[in-house]
Amino acid sequence: AQFSLPARVFYIGNAYGLEHNAGHQ
């Protein structure tokens, strides 16, 4: 009810998990 479609949203923040990038975890 708070959103009229299409909803355009963005975010900036930290996420967590195991990600491999250029040999680093």
PDB file of all heavy atoms in Angstrom:
ATOM      1  N   ALA A   1       0.812  -1.212   0.000  1.00  0.00           N
ATOM      2  CA  ALA A   1       0.000   0.000   0.000  1.00  0.00           C
ATOM      3  C   ALA A   1       0.851   1.271   0.000  1.00  0.00           C
ATOM      4  O   ALA A   1       0.391   2.340  -0.416  1.00  0.00           O
ATOM      5  CB  ALA A   1      -0.924   0.007   1.214  1.00  0.00           C
ATOM      6  N   GLN A   2       2.109   1.159   0.462  1.00  0.00           N
ATOM      7  CA  GLN A   2       2.982   2.323   0.537  1.00  0.00           C
ATOM      8  C   GLN A   2       3.698   2.597  -0.783  1.00  0.00           C
ATOM      9  O   GLN A   2       4.310   3.650  -0.947  1.00  0.00           O
ATOM     10  CB  GLN A   2       4.041   2.125   1.631  1.00  0.00           C
ATOM     11  CG  GLN A   2       3.474   2.084   3.036  1.00  0.00           C
ATOM     12  CD  GLN A   2       4.572   1.888   4.061  1.00  0.00           C
ATOM     13  OE1 GLN A   2       4.468   1.079   4.967  1.00  0.00           O
ATOM     14  NE2 GLN A   2       5.651   2.639   3.923  1.00  0.00           N
ATOM     15  N   PHE A   3       3.614   1.664  -1.705  1.00  0.00           N
ATOM     16  CA  PHE A   3       4.355   1.810  -2.954  1.00  0.00           C
ATOM     17  C   PHE A   3       3.417   1.831  -4.152  1.00  0.00           C
ATOM     18  O   PHE A   3       2.520   1.005  -4.267  1.00  0.00           O
ATOM     19  CB  PHE A   3       5.352   0.654  -3.123  1.00  0.00           C
ATOM     20  CG  PHE A   3       6.437   0.624  -2.086  1.00  0.00           C
ATOM     21  CD1 PHE A   3       6.295  -0.170  -0.959  1.00  0.00           C
ATOM     22  CD2 PHE A   3       7.572   1.384  -2.230  1.00  0.00           C
ATOM     23  CE1 PHE A   3       7.292  -0.217   0.010  1.00  0.00           C
ATOM     24  CE2 PHE A   3       8.573   1.356  -1.273  1.00  0.00           C
ATOM     25  CZ  PHE A   3       8.430   0.557  -0.150  1.00  0.00           C
ATOM     26  N   SER A   4       3.631   2.798  -5.015  1.00  0.00           N
ATOM     27  CA  SER A   4       2.926   2.798  -6.295  1.00  0.00           C
ATOM     28  C   SER A   4       3.887   2.190  -7.303  1.00  0.00           C
ATOM     29  O   SER A   4       5.033   2.624  -7.424  1.00  0.00           O
ATOM     30  CB  SER A   4       2.547   4.227  -6.702  1.00  0.00           C
ATOM     31  OG  SER A   4       3.694   5.055  -6.774  1.00  0.00           O
ATOM     32  N   LEU A   5       3.435   1.173  -7.988  1.00  0.00           N
ATOM     33  CA  LEU A   5       4.313   0.460  -8.913  1.00  0.00           C
ATOM     34  C   LEU A   5       4.451   1.204 -10.237  1.00  0.00           C
ATOM     35  O   LEU A   5       3.498   1.824 -10.703  1.00  0.00           O
ATOM     36  CB  LEU A   5       3.770  -0.951  -9.147  1.00  0.00           C
ATOM     37  CG  LEU A   5       3.722  -1.841  -7.901  1.00  0.00           C
ATOM     38  CD1 LEU A   5       3.196  -3.224  -8.262  1.00  0.00           C
ATOM     39  CD2 LEU A   5       5.096  -1.954  -7.245  1.00  0.00           C
ATOM     40  N   PRO A   6       5.620   1.148 -10.838  1.00  0.00           N
ATOM     41  CA  PRO A   6       6.796   0.421 -10.356  1.00  0.00           C
ATOM     42  C   PRO A   6       7.477   1.135  -9.195  1.00  0.00           C
ATOM     43  O   PRO A   6       7.500   2.365  -9.145  1.00  0.00           O
ATOM     44  CB  PRO A   6       7.705   0.362 -11.582  1.00  0.00           C
ATOM     45  CG  PRO A   6       7.352   1.576 -12.374  1.00  0.00           C
ATOM     46  CD  PRO A   6       5.876   1.763 -12.178  1.00  0.00           C
ATOM     47  N   ALA A   7       8.044   0.357  -8.278  1.00  0.00           N
ATOM     48  CA  ALA A   7       8.762   0.903  -7.134  1.00  0.00           C
ATOM     49  C   ALA A   7      10.239   1.035  -7.494  1.00  0.00           C
ATOM     50  O   ALA A   7      10.866   0.085  -7.949  1.00  0.00           O
ATOM     51  CB  ALA A   7       8.593  -0.016  -5.928  1.00  0.00           C
ATOM     52  N   ARG A   8      10.764   2.215  -7.277  1.00  0.00           N
ATOM     53  CA  ARG A   8      12.189   2.472  -7.515  1.00  0.00           C
ATOM     54  C   ARG A   8      12.868   2.661  -6.167  1.00  0.00           C
ATOM     55  O   ARG A   8      12.583   3.630  -5.461  1.00  0.00           O
ATOM     56  CB  ARG A   8      12.368   3.708  -8.393  1.00  0.00           C
ATOM     57  CG  ARG A   8      11.902   3.507  -9.828  1.00  0.00           C
ATOM     58  CD  ARG A   8      11.991   4.798 -10.641  1.00  0.00           C
ATOM     59  NE  ARG A   8      11.799   4.556 -12.059  1.00  0.00           N
ATOM     60  CZ  ARG A   8      10.612   4.453 -12.657  1.00  0.00           C
ATOM     61  NH1 ARG A   8       9.504   4.587 -11.938  1.00  0.00           N
ATOM     62  NH2 ARG A   8      10.521   4.214 -13.962  1.00  0.00           N
ATOM     63  N   VAL A   9      13.737   1.743  -5.805  1.00  0.00           N
ATOM     64  CA  VAL A   9      14.368   1.783  -4.493  1.00  0.00           C
ATOM     65  C   VAL A   9      15.883   1.596  -4.628  1.00  0.00           C
ATOM     66  O   VAL A   9      16.365   1.029  -5.609  1.00  0.00           O
ATOM     67  CB  VAL A   9      13.792   0.696  -3.556  1.00  0.00           C
ATOM     68  CG1 VAL A   9      12.276   0.861  -3.416  1.00  0.00           C
ATOM     69  CG2 VAL A   9      14.116  -0.711  -4.059  1.00  0.00           C
ATOM     70  N   PHE A  10      16.615   2.086  -3.617  1.00  0.00           N
ATOM     71  CA  PHE A  10      18.054   1.856  -3.586  1.00  0.00           C
ATOM     72  C   PHE A  10      18.488   1.603  -2.152  1.00  0.00           C
ATOM     73  O   PHE A  10      17.743   1.828  -1.198  1.00  0.00           O
ATOM     74  CB  PHE A  10      18.830   3.035  -4.190  1.00  0.00           C
ATOM     75  CG  PHE A  10      18.964   4.236  -3.292  1.00  0.00           C
ATOM     76  CD1 PHE A  10      20.056   4.369  -2.438  1.00  0.00           C
ATOM     77  CD2 PHE A  10      18.005   5.252  -3.311  1.00  0.00           C
ATOM     78  CE1 PHE A  10      20.194   5.478  -1.618  1.00  0.00           C
ATOM     79  CE2 PHE A  10      18.132   6.370  -2.493  1.00  0.00           C
ATOM     80  CZ  PHE A  10      19.234   6.476  -1.640  1.00  0.00           C
ATOM     81  N   TYR A  11      19.708   1.126  -2.010  1.00  0.00           N
ATOM     82  CA  TYR A  11      20.242   0.796  -0.692  1.00  0.00           C
ATOM     83  C   TYR A  11      21.753   0.973  -0.709  1.00  0.00           C
ATOM     84  O   TYR A  11      22.403   0.902  -1.752  1.00  0.00           O
ATOM     85  CB  TYR A  11      19.915  -0.661  -0.322  1.00  0.00           C
ATOM     86  CG  TYR A  11      20.314  -1.644  -1.394  1.00  0.00           C
ATOM     87  CD1 TYR A  11      21.626  -2.104  -1.499  1.00  0.00           C
ATOM     88  CD2 TYR A  11      19.388  -2.077  -2.346  1.00  0.00           C
ATOM     89  CE1 TYR A  11      21.997  -2.971  -2.508  1.00  0.00           C
ATOM     90  CE2 TYR A  11      19.763  -2.944  -3.367  1.00  0.00           C
ATOM     91  CZ  TYR A  11      21.075  -3.382  -3.432  1.00  0.00           C
ATOM     92  OH  TYR A  11      21.455  -4.228  -4.441  1.00  0.00           O
ATOM     93  N   ILE A  12      22.314   1.236   0.448  1.00  0.00           N
ATOM     94  CA  ILE A  12      23.759   1.277   0.645  1.00  0.00           C
ATOM     95  C   ILE A  12      24.022   0.733   2.036  1.00  0.00           C
ATOM     96  O   ILE A  12      23.509   1.265   3.026  1.00  0.00           O
ATOM     97  CB  ILE A  12      24.331   2.702   0.519  1.00  0.00           C
ATOM     98  CG1 ILE A  12      24.066   3.273  -0.874  1.00  0.00           C
ATOM     99  CG2 ILE A  12      25.833   2.705   0.821  1.00  0.00           C
ATOM    100  CD1 ILE A  12      24.496   4.718  -1.042  1.00  0.00           C
ATOM    101  N   GLY A  13      24.784  -0.332   2.140  1.00  0.00           N
ATOM    102  CA  GLY A  13      25.049  -0.912   3.453  1.00  0.00           C
ATOM    103  C   GLY A  13      25.889  -2.166   3.348  1.00  0.00           C
ATOM    104  O   GLY A  13      26.291  -2.588   2.263  1.00  0.00           O
ATOM    105  N   ASN A  14      26.144  -2.770   4.489  1.00  0.00           N
ATOM    106  CA  ASN A  14      26.972  -3.966   4.545  1.00  0.00           C
ATOM    107  C   ASN A  14      26.150  -5.234   4.385  1.00  0.00           C
ATOM    108  O   ASN A  14      25.021  -5.323   4.868  1.00  0.00           O
ATOM    109  CB  ASN A  14      27.738  -4.033   5.865  1.00  0.00           C
ATOM    110  CG  ASN A  14      28.859  -3.004   5.925  1.00  0.00           C
ATOM    111  OD1 ASN A  14      29.088  -2.271   4.971  1.00  0.00           O
ATOM    112  ND2 ASN A  14      29.552  -2.938   7.044  1.00  0.00           N
ATOM    113  N   ALA A  15      26.728  -6.195   3.696  1.00  0.00           N
ATOM    114  CA  ALA A  15      26.138  -7.523   3.557  1.00  0.00           C
ATOM    115  C   ALA A  15      27.173  -8.530   4.044  1.00  0.00           C
ATOM    116  O   ALA A  15      28.364  -8.211   4.167  1.00  0.00           O
ATOM    117  CB  ALA A  15      25.750  -7.794   2.106  1.00  0.00           C
ATOM    118  N   TYR A  16      26.717  -9.760   4.307  1.00  0.00           N
ATOM    119  CA  TYR A  16      27.580 -10.724   4.987  1.00  0.00           C
ATOM    120  C   TYR A  16      27.460 -12.102   4.348  1.00  0.00           C
ATOM    121  O   TYR A  16      26.379 -12.526   3.951  1.00  0.00           O
ATOM    122  CB  TYR A  16      27.194 -10.815   6.468  1.00  0.00           C
ATOM    123  CG  TYR A  16      27.111  -9.466   7.137  1.00  0.00           C
ATOM    124  CD1 TYR A  16      25.929  -8.722   7.113  1.00  0.00           C
ATOM    125  CD2 TYR A  16      28.225  -8.916   7.761  1.00  0.00           C
ATOM    126  CE1 TYR A  16      25.861  -7.471   7.701  1.00  0.00           C
ATOM    127  CE2 TYR A  16      28.162  -7.669   8.360  1.00  0.00           C
ATOM    128  CZ  TYR A  16      26.980  -6.947   8.319  1.00  0.00           C
ATOM    129  OH  TYR A  16      26.919  -5.707   8.900  1.00  0.00           O
ATOM    130  N   GLY A  17      28.567 -12.787   4.281  1.00  0.00           N
ATOM    131  CA  GLY A  17      28.597 -14.127   3.713  1.00  0.00           C
ATOM    132  C   GLY A  17      30.016 -14.431   3.295  1.00  0.00           C
ATOM    133  O   GLY A  17      30.939 -13.644   3.549  1.00  0.00           O
ATOM    134  N   LEU A  18      30.226 -15.544   2.664  1.00  0.00           N
ATOM    135  CA  LEU A  18      31.565 -15.912   2.205  1.00  0.00           C
ATOM    136  C   LEU A  18      31.668 -15.625   0.722  1.00  0.00           C
ATOM    137  O   LEU A  18      31.045 -16.302  -0.103  1.00  0.00           O
ATOM    138  CB  LEU A  18      31.845 -17.391   2.490  1.00  0.00           C
ATOM    139  CG  LEU A  18      33.237 -17.891   2.102  1.00  0.00           C
ATOM    140  CD1 LEU A  18      34.311 -17.100   2.840  1.00  0.00           C
ATOM    141  CD2 LEU A  18      33.372 -19.383   2.406  1.00  0.00           C
ATOM    142  N   GLU A  19      32.439 -14.620   0.383  1.00  0.00           N
ATOM    143  CA  GLU A  19      32.617 -14.220  -1.010  1.00  0.00           C
ATOM    144  C   GLU A  19      34.091 -14.330  -1.359  1.00  0.00           C
ATOM    145  O   GLU A  19      34.954 -13.921  -0.594  1.00  0.00           O
ATOM    146  CB  GLU A  19      32.153 -12.775  -1.208  1.00  0.00           C
ATOM    147  CG  GLU A  19      32.261 -12.280  -2.624  1.00  0.00           C
ATOM    148  CD  GLU A  19      31.939 -10.796  -2.745  1.00  0.00           C
ATOM    149  OE1 GLU A  19      32.785  -9.979  -2.340  1.00  0.00           O
ATOM    150  OE2 GLU A  19      30.851 -10.459  -3.224  1.00  0.00           O
ATOM    151  N   HIS A  20      34.380 -14.915  -2.514  1.00  0.00           N
ATOM    152  CA  HIS A  20      35.764 -15.057  -2.963  1.00  0.00           C
ATOM    153  C   HIS A  20      36.040 -13.991  -4.017  1.00  0.00           C
ATOM    154  O   HIS A  20      35.294 -13.843  -4.976  1.00  0.00           O
ATOM    155  CB  HIS A  20      36.004 -16.448  -3.552  1.00  0.00           C
ATOM    156  CG  HIS A  20      35.832 -17.546  -2.547  1.00  0.00           C
ATOM    157  ND1 HIS A  20      36.855 -17.944  -1.718  1.00  0.00           N
ATOM    158  CD2 HIS A  20      34.751 -18.306  -2.220  1.00  0.00           C
ATOM    159  CE1 HIS A  20      36.422 -18.917  -0.921  1.00  0.00           C
ATOM    160  NE2 HIS A  20      35.157 -19.168  -1.208  1.00  0.00           N
ATOM    161  N   ASN A  21      37.125 -13.251  -3.812  1.00  0.00           N
ATOM    162  CA  ASN A  21      37.468 -12.183  -4.745  1.00  0.00           C
ATOM    163  C   ASN A  21      38.981 -12.108  -4.889  1.00  0.00           C
ATOM    164  O   ASN A  21      39.688 -11.819  -3.928  1.00  0.00           O
ATOM    165  CB  ASN A  21      36.928 -10.839  -4.223  1.00  0.00           C
ATOM    166  CG  ASN A  21      37.286  -9.688  -5.155  1.00  0.00           C
ATOM    167  OD1 ASN A  21      37.463  -9.894  -6.353  1.00  0.00           O
ATOM    168  ND2 ASN A  21      37.396  -8.495  -4.608  1.00  0.00           N
ATOM    169  N   ALA A  22      39.458 -12.392  -6.084  1.00  0.00           N
ATOM    170  CA  ALA A  22      40.894 -12.313  -6.395  1.00  0.00           C
ATOM    171  C   ALA A  22      41.740 -13.092  -5.401  1.00  0.00           C
ATOM    172  O   ALA A  22      42.787 -12.643  -4.953  1.00  0.00           O
ATOM    173  CB  ALA A  22      41.329 -10.842  -6.433  1.00  0.00           C
ATOM    174  N   GLY A  23      41.266 -14.286  -5.037  1.00  0.00           N
ATOM    175  CA  GLY A  23      42.023 -15.135  -4.143  1.00  0.00           C
ATOM    176  C   GLY A  23      41.834 -14.831  -2.674  1.00  0.00           C
ATOM    177  O   GLY A  23      42.397 -15.512  -1.815  1.00  0.00           O
ATOM    178  N   HIS A  24      41.041 -13.809  -2.367  1.00  0.00           N
ATOM    179  CA  HIS A  24      40.810 -13.439  -0.977  1.00  0.00           C
ATOM    180  C   HIS A  24      39.378 -13.792  -0.570  1.00  0.00           C
ATOM    181  O   HIS A  24      38.453 -13.726  -1.371  1.00  0.00           O
ATOM    182  CB  HIS A  24      41.045 -11.943  -0.771  1.00  0.00           C
ATOM    183  CG  HIS A  24      42.430 -11.502  -1.122  1.00  0.00           C
ATOM    184  ND1 HIS A  24      43.522 -11.788  -0.346  1.00  0.00           N
ATOM    185  CD2 HIS A  24      42.894 -10.805  -2.185  1.00  0.00           C
ATOM    186  CE1 HIS A  24      44.610 -11.285  -0.909  1.00  0.00           C
ATOM    187  NE2 HIS A  24      44.254 -10.682  -2.033  1.00  0.00           N
ATOM    188  N   GLN A  25      39.232 -14.145   0.700  1.00  0.00           N
ATOM    189  CA  GLN A  25      37.905 -14.426   1.230  1.00  0.00           C
ATOM    190  C   GLN A  25      37.376 -13.191   1.952  1.00  0.00           C
ATOM    191  O   GLN A  25      38.099 -12.558   2.719  1.00  0.00           O
ATOM    192  CB  GLN A  25      37.940 -15.611   2.202  1.00  0.00           C
ATOM    193  CG  GLN A  25      38.183 -16.945   1.534  1.00  0.00           C
ATOM    194  CD  GLN A  25      38.040 -18.099   2.498  1.00  0.00           C
ATOM    195  OE1 GLN A  25      37.862 -17.909   3.691  1.00  0.00           O
ATOM    196  NE2 GLN A  25      38.097 -19.310   1.988  1.00  0.00           N
TER     197      GLN A  25
END
